[in-house]
């Protein structure tokens, strides 16, 4: 099963770190990602820039409105995602509980919606076939 792991952190923690401390923290995370890779569990991931660089879209009165920054007014903001292959939720929790990133904030672990993802993949394939036929 595929799981999406959303890592949250308080940005002020990172701002308080020296460059050396930040490099050491990231290295610990990268080292554990390699453990996940070696076990066939690391599917992918993306780090995100600061939430202050975000734009939030929402629909109001049939108009799309944009707001600078994140929607949530919390200290902890989404910092990145990790895509994990695991047997089940318990296995995903077991794997992620060892990730050094948990030291900086919570990880939300959600099963990927395979039904919707298969529809998206089929749509991508059909779109690409249409583009190639042009």
C-alpha atoms as a PDB file:
ATOM      1  CA  UNK A   1       0.000   0.000   0.000  1.00  0.00           C
ATOM      2  CA  UNK A   2       1.097   3.538  -0.666  1.00  0.00           C
ATOM      3  CA  UNK A   3       0.984   6.148   2.106  1.00  0.00           C
ATOM      4  CA  UNK A   4       1.443   9.909   1.916  1.00  0.00           C
ATOM      5  CA  UNK A   5       3.301  11.243   4.951  1.00  0.00           C
ATOM      6  CA  UNK A   6       2.832  14.959   5.538  1.00  0.00           C
ATOM      7  CA  UNK A   7       5.571  16.455   7.692  1.00  0.00           C
ATOM      8  CA  UNK A   8       4.751  19.549   9.740  1.00  0.00           C
ATOM      9  CA  UNK A   9       7.188  21.795  11.574  1.00  0.00           C
ATOM     10  CA  UNK A  10       7.404  25.057  13.433  1.00  0.00           C
ATOM     11  CA  UNK A  11       9.508  27.247  11.113  1.00  0.00           C
ATOM     12  CA  UNK A  12      10.949  29.119  14.093  1.00  0.00           C
ATOM     13  CA  UNK A  13      12.785  25.923  15.110  1.00  0.00           C
ATOM     14  CA  UNK A  14      14.715  25.978  11.851  1.00  0.00           C
ATOM     15  CA  UNK A  15      15.346  29.703  12.020  1.00  0.00           C
ATOM     16  CA  UNK A  16      16.938  29.211  15.468  1.00  0.00           C
ATOM     17  CA  UNK A  17      19.377  26.588  14.149  1.00  0.00           C
ATOM     18  CA  UNK A  18      22.866  27.359  12.960  1.00  0.00           C
ATOM     19  CA  UNK A  19      23.740  26.295   9.425  1.00  0.00           C
ATOM     20  CA  UNK A  20      25.767  23.409  10.868  1.00  0.00           C
ATOM     21  CA  UNK A  21      22.873  22.249  13.057  1.00  0.00           C
ATOM     22  CA  UNK A  22      20.518  22.386  10.090  1.00  0.00           C
ATOM     23  CA  UNK A  23      22.935  20.371   7.939  1.00  0.00           C
ATOM     24  CA  UNK A  24      23.275  17.750  10.684  1.00  0.00           C
ATOM     25  CA  UNK A  25      19.497  17.502  11.104  1.00  0.00           C
ATOM     26  CA  UNK A  26      18.962  17.152   7.361  1.00  0.00           C
ATOM     27  CA  UNK A  27      21.709  14.531   7.138  1.00  0.00           C
ATOM     28  CA  UNK A  28      19.978  12.429   9.810  1.00  0.00           C
ATOM     29  CA  UNK A  29      16.753  12.647   7.787  1.00  0.00           C
ATOM     30  CA  UNK A  30      18.542  11.751   4.545  1.00  0.00           C
ATOM     31  CA  UNK A  31      20.262   8.807   6.245  1.00  0.00           C
ATOM     32  CA  UNK A  32      16.927   7.422   7.393  1.00  0.00           C
ATOM     33  CA  UNK A  33      15.434   7.998   3.938  1.00  0.00           C
ATOM     34  CA  UNK A  34      18.255   5.738   2.683  1.00  0.00           C
ATOM     35  CA  UNK A  35      17.168   3.068   5.198  1.00  0.00           C
ATOM     36  CA  UNK A  36      13.646   3.350   3.765  1.00  0.00           C
ATOM     37  CA  UNK A  37      15.063   3.128   0.211  1.00  0.00           C
ATOM     38  CA  UNK A  38      17.086   0.029   1.073  1.00  0.00           C
ATOM     39  CA  UNK A  39      13.919  -1.628   2.406  1.00  0.00           C
ATOM     40  CA  UNK A  40      11.930  -0.740  -0.712  1.00  0.00           C
ATOM     41  CA  UNK A  41       9.689   1.665   1.222  1.00  0.00           C
ATOM     42  CA  UNK A  42      10.771   5.101  -0.087  1.00  0.00           C
ATOM     43  CA  UNK A  43       8.700   5.979  -3.148  1.00  0.00           C
ATOM     44  CA  UNK A  44       9.443   9.698  -3.280  1.00  0.00           C
ATOM     45  CA  UNK A  45       9.047  12.998  -1.561  1.00  0.00           C
ATOM     46  CA  UNK A  46       9.250  16.740  -1.858  1.00  0.00           C
ATOM     47  CA  UNK A  47      10.455  19.421   0.522  1.00  0.00           C
ATOM     48  CA  UNK A  48       8.441  22.627   0.484  1.00  0.00           C
ATOM     49  CA  UNK A  49       9.594  26.212   0.757  1.00  0.00           C
ATOM     50  CA  UNK A  50       8.374  28.250   3.707  1.00  0.00           C
ATOM     51  CA  UNK A  51       4.627  28.543   4.217  1.00  0.00           C
ATOM     52  CA  UNK A  52       5.118  32.300   3.976  1.00  0.00           C
ATOM     53  CA  UNK A  53       5.796  31.745   0.249  1.00  0.00           C
ATOM     54  CA  UNK A  54       2.462  29.969  -0.243  1.00  0.00           C
ATOM     55  CA  UNK A  55      -0.689  31.238  -1.914  1.00  0.00           C
ATOM     56  CA  UNK A  56      -4.042  29.824  -0.814  1.00  0.00           C
ATOM     57  CA  UNK A  57      -6.946  29.638  -3.277  1.00  0.00           C
ATOM     58  CA  UNK A  58     -10.572  29.470  -2.256  1.00  0.00           C
ATOM     59  CA  UNK A  59     -13.902  30.009  -3.961  1.00  0.00           C
ATOM     60  CA  UNK A  60     -16.107  32.816  -2.627  1.00  0.00           C
ATOM     61  CA  UNK A  61     -19.237  34.054  -4.357  1.00  0.00           C
ATOM     62  CA  UNK A  62     -18.342  32.059  -7.486  1.00  0.00           C
ATOM     63  CA  UNK A  63     -14.970  33.841  -7.691  1.00  0.00           C
ATOM     64  CA  UNK A  64     -11.539  32.439  -6.997  1.00  0.00           C
ATOM     65  CA  UNK A  65      -9.792  34.472  -4.336  1.00  0.00           C
ATOM     66  CA  UNK A  66      -6.138  34.245  -3.414  1.00  0.00           C
ATOM     67  CA  UNK A  67      -4.548  34.862  -0.052  1.00  0.00           C
ATOM     68  CA  UNK A  68      -0.821  35.072   0.539  1.00  0.00           C
ATOM     69  CA  UNK A  69       0.515  32.489   2.928  1.00  0.00           C
ATOM     70  CA  UNK A  70      -1.022  29.369   4.382  1.00  0.00           C
ATOM     71  CA  UNK A  71      -4.699  28.894   5.149  1.00  0.00           C
ATOM     72  CA  UNK A  72      -4.137  27.593   8.681  1.00  0.00           C
ATOM     73  CA  UNK A  73      -3.153  29.999  11.421  1.00  0.00           C
ATOM     74  CA  UNK A  74      -0.882  27.642  13.350  1.00  0.00           C
ATOM     75  CA  UNK A  75       2.787  27.535  14.280  1.00  0.00           C
ATOM     76  CA  UNK A  76       3.262  24.188  12.572  1.00  0.00           C
ATOM     77  CA  UNK A  77       3.073  24.344   8.790  1.00  0.00           C
ATOM     78  CA  UNK A  78       3.412  21.669   6.140  1.00  0.00           C
ATOM     79  CA  UNK A  79       7.109  21.338   5.347  1.00  0.00           C
ATOM     80  CA  UNK A  80       7.147  18.417   2.955  1.00  0.00           C
ATOM     81  CA  UNK A  81       5.744  15.092   1.890  1.00  0.00           C
ATOM     82  CA  UNK A  82       7.194  11.619   1.800  1.00  0.00           C
ATOM     83  CA  UNK A  83       5.590   8.871  -0.251  1.00  0.00           C
ATOM     84  CA  UNK A  84       5.969   5.556   1.495  1.00  0.00           C
ATOM     85  CA  UNK A  85       5.275   1.966   0.485  1.00  0.00           C
ATOM     86  CA  UNK A  86       4.163  -0.128   3.476  1.00  0.00           C
ATOM     87  CA  UNK A  87       2.128  -3.255   4.183  1.00  0.00           C
ATOM     88  CA  UNK A  88      -0.591  -1.412   6.115  1.00  0.00           C
ATOM     89  CA  UNK A  89      -1.117   1.616   8.363  1.00  0.00           C
ATOM     90  CA  UNK A  90       0.554  -0.053  11.334  1.00  0.00           C
ATOM     91  CA  UNK A  91       3.639  -0.736   9.228  1.00  0.00           C
ATOM     92  CA  UNK A  92       3.659   2.861   7.915  1.00  0.00           C
ATOM     93  CA  UNK A  93       3.464   4.196  11.484  1.00  0.00           C
ATOM     94  CA  UNK A  94       6.278   1.863  12.536  1.00  0.00           C
ATOM     95  CA  UNK A  95       8.509   3.056   9.690  1.00  0.00           C
ATOM     96  CA  UNK A  96       7.796   6.765  10.127  1.00  0.00           C
ATOM     97  CA  UNK A  97       8.104   6.675  13.921  1.00  0.00           C
ATOM     98  CA  UNK A  98      11.851   6.187  13.406  1.00  0.00           C
ATOM     99  CA  UNK A  99      12.195   9.156  11.038  1.00  0.00           C
ATOM    100  CA  UNK A 100      14.273  12.013  12.539  1.00  0.00           C
ATOM    101  CA  UNK A 101      11.856  14.519  10.989  1.00  0.00           C
ATOM    102  CA  UNK A 102       9.382  13.656  13.756  1.00  0.00           C
ATOM    103  CA  UNK A 103      11.670  15.607  16.086  1.00  0.00           C
ATOM    104  CA  UNK A 104      10.631  18.836  14.335  1.00  0.00           C
ATOM    105  CA  UNK A 105       6.894  18.269  14.279  1.00  0.00           C
ATOM    106  CA  UNK A 106       4.161  15.765  13.574  1.00  0.00           C
ATOM    107  CA  UNK A 107       3.787  13.585  10.524  1.00  0.00           C
ATOM    108  CA  UNK A 108       0.271  12.959   9.275  1.00  0.00           C
ATOM    109  CA  UNK A 109       0.114   9.591   7.530  1.00  0.00           C
ATOM    110  CA  UNK A 110      -2.702   8.923   5.077  1.00  0.00           C
ATOM    111  CA  UNK A 111      -3.298   6.011   2.745  1.00  0.00           C
ATOM    112  CA  UNK A 112      -3.166   7.041  -0.884  1.00  0.00           C
ATOM    113  CA  UNK A 113      -6.565   6.769  -2.594  1.00  0.00           C
ATOM    114  CA  UNK A 114      -5.726   4.051  -5.087  1.00  0.00           C
ATOM    115  CA  UNK A 115      -9.114   4.209  -6.842  1.00  0.00           C
ATOM    116  CA  UNK A 116      -8.797   7.919  -7.639  1.00  0.00           C
ATOM    117  CA  UNK A 117      -5.090   7.580  -8.438  1.00  0.00           C
ATOM    118  CA  UNK A 118      -5.865   4.848 -10.987  1.00  0.00           C
ATOM    119  CA  UNK A 119      -8.392   7.186 -12.639  1.00  0.00           C
ATOM    120  CA  UNK A 120      -5.778   9.953 -12.759  1.00  0.00           C
ATOM    121  CA  UNK A 121      -3.189   7.574 -14.249  1.00  0.00           C
ATOM    122  CA  UNK A 122      -5.678   6.418 -16.897  1.00  0.00           C
ATOM    123  CA  UNK A 123      -6.477  10.037 -17.721  1.00  0.00           C
ATOM    124  CA  UNK A 124      -2.763  10.873 -17.970  1.00  0.00           C
ATOM    125  CA  UNK A 125      -2.221   7.917 -20.307  1.00  0.00           C
ATOM    126  CA  UNK A 126      -5.180   8.878 -22.519  1.00  0.00           C
ATOM    127  CA  UNK A 127      -4.058  12.516 -22.631  1.00  0.00           C
ATOM    128  CA  UNK A 128      -0.511  11.527 -23.590  1.00  0.00           C
ATOM    129  CA  UNK A 129      -1.828   9.199 -26.320  1.00  0.00           C
ATOM    130  CA  UNK A 130      -3.935  12.062 -27.686  1.00  0.00           C
ATOM    131  CA  UNK A 131      -0.945  14.417 -27.681  1.00  0.00           C
ATOM    132  CA  UNK A 132       1.197  11.816 -29.458  1.00  0.00           C
ATOM    133  CA  UNK A 133      -1.487  11.318 -32.139  1.00  0.00           C
ATOM    134  CA  UNK A 134      -1.436  15.022 -33.060  1.00  0.00           C
END
